[in-house]
């Protein structure tokens, strides 16, 4: 899958699953996703929703702990995680 297309899909996934008050195109690739210091203020339930949907759509399981924090830090990080072998 092409990287930019994947990033567009992931932004739409975040908007759909987390009910953020943004359009997908308004999310920056390097913007912080999870945490109160991020513009979207996503929490652990949002992280779980994103993780489950990533598993369903892309077959990539995001394990708990540090791996999850890193993969869900931004759209860039999530796309890299999905595309990694």
N, C-alpha and C. Protein backbone atom coordinates (compact mmCIF):
# COMPACT_ATOMS: atom_id res chain seq x y z
N UNK A 1 0.85 -1.18 0.00
CA UNK A 1 0.00 0.00 0.00
C UNK A 1 0.89 1.24 0.00
N UNK A 2 0.46 2.23 -0.71
CA UNK A 2 1.20 3.48 -0.82
C UNK A 2 1.05 4.28 0.48
N UNK A 3 2.16 4.84 0.95
CA UNK A 3 2.22 5.50 2.25
C UNK A 3 1.20 6.63 2.40
N UNK A 4 1.10 7.52 1.44
CA UNK A 4 0.17 8.65 1.57
C UNK A 4 -1.28 8.19 1.58
N UNK A 5 -1.60 7.17 0.80
CA UNK A 5 -2.96 6.63 0.81
C UNK A 5 -3.27 6.01 2.17
N UNK A 6 -2.30 5.30 2.74
CA UNK A 6 -2.48 4.72 4.07
C UNK A 6 -2.70 5.80 5.11
N UNK A 7 -1.93 6.86 5.06
CA UNK A 7 -2.10 7.96 6.02
C UNK A 7 -3.49 8.58 5.91
N UNK A 8 -3.99 8.75 4.69
CA UNK A 8 -5.35 9.28 4.51
C UNK A 8 -6.38 8.34 5.14
N UNK A 9 -6.21 7.04 4.92
CA UNK A 9 -7.12 6.05 5.51
C UNK A 9 -7.06 6.10 7.04
N UNK A 10 -5.86 6.23 7.59
CA UNK A 10 -5.72 6.26 9.05
C UNK A 10 -6.34 7.50 9.65
N UNK A 11 -6.22 8.61 8.98
CA UNK A 11 -6.85 9.85 9.48
C UNK A 11 -8.37 9.68 9.49
N UNK A 12 -8.92 9.09 8.44
CA UNK A 12 -10.36 8.84 8.39
C UNK A 12 -10.77 7.86 9.49
N UNK A 13 -9.95 6.86 9.74
CA UNK A 13 -10.20 5.89 10.80
C UNK A 13 -10.28 6.59 12.16
N UNK A 14 -9.33 7.48 12.44
CA UNK A 14 -9.31 8.20 13.71
C UNK A 14 -10.57 9.05 13.86
N UNK A 15 -10.95 9.76 12.81
CA UNK A 15 -12.15 10.60 12.87
C UNK A 15 -13.39 9.73 13.11
N UNK A 16 -13.48 8.62 12.41
CA UNK A 16 -14.63 7.73 12.50
C UNK A 16 -14.71 7.02 13.86
N UNK A 17 -13.61 6.45 14.31
CA UNK A 17 -13.62 5.64 15.52
C UNK A 17 -13.61 6.47 16.80
N UNK A 18 -13.04 7.65 16.75
CA UNK A 18 -12.84 8.44 17.97
C UNK A 18 -13.75 9.65 18.06
N UNK A 19 -14.57 9.86 17.05
CA UNK A 19 -15.55 10.95 17.07
C UNK A 19 -14.92 12.30 17.40
N UNK A 20 -13.83 12.61 16.69
CA UNK A 20 -13.18 13.90 16.90
C UNK A 20 -13.89 14.99 16.10
N UNK A 21 -13.76 16.21 16.55
CA UNK A 21 -14.40 17.34 15.90
C UNK A 21 -13.51 17.96 14.83
N UNK A 22 -12.92 17.12 14.01
CA UNK A 22 -12.07 17.55 12.91
C UNK A 22 -12.42 16.75 11.67
N UNK A 23 -12.08 17.30 10.55
CA UNK A 23 -12.14 16.53 9.30
C UNK A 23 -10.81 15.79 9.17
N UNK A 24 -10.83 14.66 8.48
CA UNK A 24 -9.62 13.85 8.35
C UNK A 24 -8.45 14.66 7.78
N UNK A 25 -8.72 15.50 6.79
CA UNK A 25 -7.64 16.27 6.14
C UNK A 25 -7.03 17.32 7.07
N UNK A 26 -7.68 17.62 8.19
CA UNK A 26 -7.16 18.61 9.14
C UNK A 26 -6.14 18.02 10.10
N UNK A 27 -6.03 16.69 10.16
CA UNK A 27 -5.08 16.03 11.05
C UNK A 27 -3.71 16.02 10.39
N UNK A 28 -2.72 16.53 11.10
CA UNK A 28 -1.35 16.55 10.59
C UNK A 28 -0.71 15.17 10.74
N UNK A 29 0.16 14.81 9.82
CA UNK A 29 0.82 13.49 9.86
C UNK A 29 1.62 13.29 11.14
N UNK A 30 2.26 14.34 11.64
CA UNK A 30 3.12 14.21 12.82
C UNK A 30 2.46 14.70 14.11
N UNK A 31 1.18 14.98 14.05
CA UNK A 31 0.44 15.48 15.21
C UNK A 31 0.27 14.37 16.26
N UNK A 32 0.42 14.73 17.52
CA UNK A 32 0.25 13.78 18.62
C UNK A 32 -1.20 13.31 18.68
N UNK A 33 -1.40 12.00 18.72
CA UNK A 33 -2.75 11.45 18.74
C UNK A 33 -3.31 11.26 20.14
N UNK A 34 -2.58 10.54 20.98
CA UNK A 34 -3.09 10.13 22.29
C UNK A 34 -2.51 11.03 23.38
N UNK A 35 -3.38 11.46 24.29
CA UNK A 35 -2.94 12.24 25.44
C UNK A 35 -3.56 13.62 25.49
N UNK A 36 -3.59 14.17 26.67
CA UNK A 36 -4.22 15.47 26.88
C UNK A 36 -3.42 16.61 26.27
N UNK A 37 -2.15 16.35 25.93
CA UNK A 37 -1.35 17.40 25.30
C UNK A 37 -1.53 17.45 23.80
N UNK A 38 -2.31 16.52 23.25
CA UNK A 38 -2.63 16.53 21.82
C UNK A 38 -3.88 17.34 21.55
N UNK A 39 -3.99 17.85 20.36
CA UNK A 39 -5.14 18.69 19.99
C UNK A 39 -6.47 17.92 20.06
N UNK A 40 -6.43 16.61 19.77
CA UNK A 40 -7.66 15.82 19.75
C UNK A 40 -8.01 15.26 21.12
N UNK A 41 -7.06 15.28 22.06
CA UNK A 41 -7.30 14.83 23.43
C UNK A 41 -7.84 13.40 23.48
N UNK A 42 -7.25 12.51 22.69
CA UNK A 42 -7.69 11.12 22.67
C UNK A 42 -7.17 10.40 23.91
N UNK A 43 -7.95 9.46 24.42
CA UNK A 43 -7.59 8.75 25.65
C UNK A 43 -7.36 7.26 25.38
N UNK A 44 -7.24 6.48 26.45
CA UNK A 44 -6.93 5.06 26.32
C UNK A 44 -8.04 4.29 25.62
N UNK A 45 -9.29 4.69 25.79
CA UNK A 45 -10.38 4.02 25.07
C UNK A 45 -10.30 4.29 23.57
N UNK A 46 -9.90 5.50 23.22
CA UNK A 46 -9.70 5.82 21.81
C UNK A 46 -8.53 4.99 21.25
N UNK A 47 -7.47 4.85 22.04
CA UNK A 47 -6.32 4.05 21.62
C UNK A 47 -6.75 2.61 21.37
N UNK A 48 -7.59 2.07 22.24
CA UNK A 48 -8.09 0.71 22.08
C UNK A 48 -8.93 0.60 20.81
N UNK A 49 -9.79 1.57 20.57
CA UNK A 49 -10.62 1.56 19.36
C UNK A 49 -9.76 1.57 18.10
N UNK A 50 -8.74 2.43 18.09
CA UNK A 50 -7.84 2.51 16.94
C UNK A 50 -7.11 1.18 16.77
N UNK A 51 -6.61 0.63 17.87
CA UNK A 51 -5.86 -0.63 17.82
C UNK A 51 -6.71 -1.77 17.26
N UNK A 52 -7.93 -1.87 17.73
CA UNK A 52 -8.83 -2.93 17.25
C UNK A 52 -9.14 -2.77 15.76
N UNK A 53 -9.34 -1.55 15.34
CA UNK A 53 -9.65 -1.31 13.93
C UNK A 53 -8.43 -1.56 13.05
N UNK A 54 -7.24 -1.22 13.53
CA UNK A 54 -6.01 -1.51 12.78
C UNK A 54 -5.86 -3.02 12.61
N UNK A 55 -6.13 -3.78 13.67
CA UNK A 55 -6.06 -5.25 13.60
C UNK A 55 -7.06 -5.77 12.58
N UNK A 56 -8.27 -5.25 12.61
CA UNK A 56 -9.33 -5.69 11.71
C UNK A 56 -9.02 -5.36 10.25
N UNK A 57 -8.60 -4.14 9.99
CA UNK A 57 -8.40 -3.67 8.61
C UNK A 57 -7.07 -4.09 8.01
N UNK A 58 -6.01 -4.08 8.83
CA UNK A 58 -4.67 -4.26 8.28
C UNK A 58 -3.96 -5.52 8.80
N UNK A 59 -4.59 -6.23 9.74
CA UNK A 59 -4.02 -7.45 10.26
C UNK A 59 -2.79 -7.25 11.12
N UNK A 60 -2.59 -6.05 11.62
CA UNK A 60 -1.43 -5.74 12.47
C UNK A 60 -1.91 -5.56 13.91
N UNK A 61 -1.39 -6.39 14.80
CA UNK A 61 -1.77 -6.32 16.20
C UNK A 61 -0.82 -5.36 16.93
N UNK A 62 -1.41 -4.40 17.62
CA UNK A 62 -0.62 -3.48 18.42
C UNK A 62 -0.66 -3.99 19.86
N UNK A 63 0.47 -4.51 20.32
CA UNK A 63 0.55 -5.05 21.68
C UNK A 63 0.59 -3.91 22.69
N UNK A 64 0.36 -4.26 23.93
CA UNK A 64 0.36 -3.26 24.99
C UNK A 64 1.74 -2.70 25.28
N UNK A 65 1.77 -1.74 26.16
CA UNK A 65 3.04 -1.19 26.62
C UNK A 65 3.65 -0.19 25.66
N UNK A 66 4.97 -0.18 25.64
CA UNK A 66 5.72 0.82 24.90
C UNK A 66 5.43 0.77 23.39
N UNK A 67 5.23 -0.44 22.86
CA UNK A 67 4.93 -0.57 21.43
C UNK A 67 3.66 0.19 21.06
N UNK A 68 2.66 0.10 21.92
CA UNK A 68 1.40 0.81 21.66
C UNK A 68 1.62 2.31 21.70
N UNK A 69 2.31 2.78 22.71
CA UNK A 69 2.55 4.22 22.81
C UNK A 69 3.29 4.75 21.59
N UNK A 70 4.26 4.00 21.13
CA UNK A 70 5.04 4.43 19.96
C UNK A 70 4.18 4.39 18.70
N UNK A 71 3.46 3.30 18.47
CA UNK A 71 2.67 3.15 17.25
C UNK A 71 1.54 4.18 17.18
N UNK A 72 0.99 4.53 18.33
CA UNK A 72 -0.14 5.46 18.35
C UNK A 72 0.27 6.90 18.64
N UNK A 73 1.55 7.19 18.51
CA UNK A 73 2.00 8.56 18.82
C UNK A 73 1.59 9.56 17.75
N UNK A 74 1.48 9.10 16.49
CA UNK A 74 1.09 9.99 15.39
C UNK A 74 0.63 9.15 14.20
N UNK A 75 0.06 9.80 13.22
CA UNK A 75 -0.31 9.11 11.97
C UNK A 75 0.94 8.56 11.30
N UNK A 76 2.01 9.34 11.29
CA UNK A 76 3.28 8.87 10.70
C UNK A 76 3.73 7.57 11.35
N UNK A 77 3.75 7.54 12.69
CA UNK A 77 4.21 6.35 13.42
C UNK A 77 3.30 5.16 13.17
N UNK A 78 2.00 5.40 13.13
CA UNK A 78 1.05 4.32 12.91
C UNK A 78 1.20 3.73 11.51
N UNK A 79 1.38 4.59 10.52
CA UNK A 79 1.58 4.12 9.15
C UNK A 79 2.86 3.30 9.04
N UNK A 80 3.93 3.78 9.65
CA UNK A 80 5.20 3.04 9.64
C UNK A 80 5.05 1.68 10.31
N UNK A 81 4.31 1.62 11.43
CA UNK A 81 4.08 0.38 12.13
C UNK A 81 3.34 -0.61 11.24
N UNK A 82 2.31 -0.16 10.56
CA UNK A 82 1.51 -1.03 9.70
C UNK A 82 2.33 -1.54 8.53
N UNK A 83 3.17 -0.70 7.96
CA UNK A 83 3.94 -1.10 6.78
C UNK A 83 5.19 -1.91 7.12
N UNK A 84 5.61 -1.90 8.39
CA UNK A 84 6.79 -2.67 8.79
C UNK A 84 6.52 -4.16 8.71
N UNK A 85 7.52 -4.90 8.30
CA UNK A 85 7.39 -6.36 8.20
C UNK A 85 7.60 -7.03 9.51
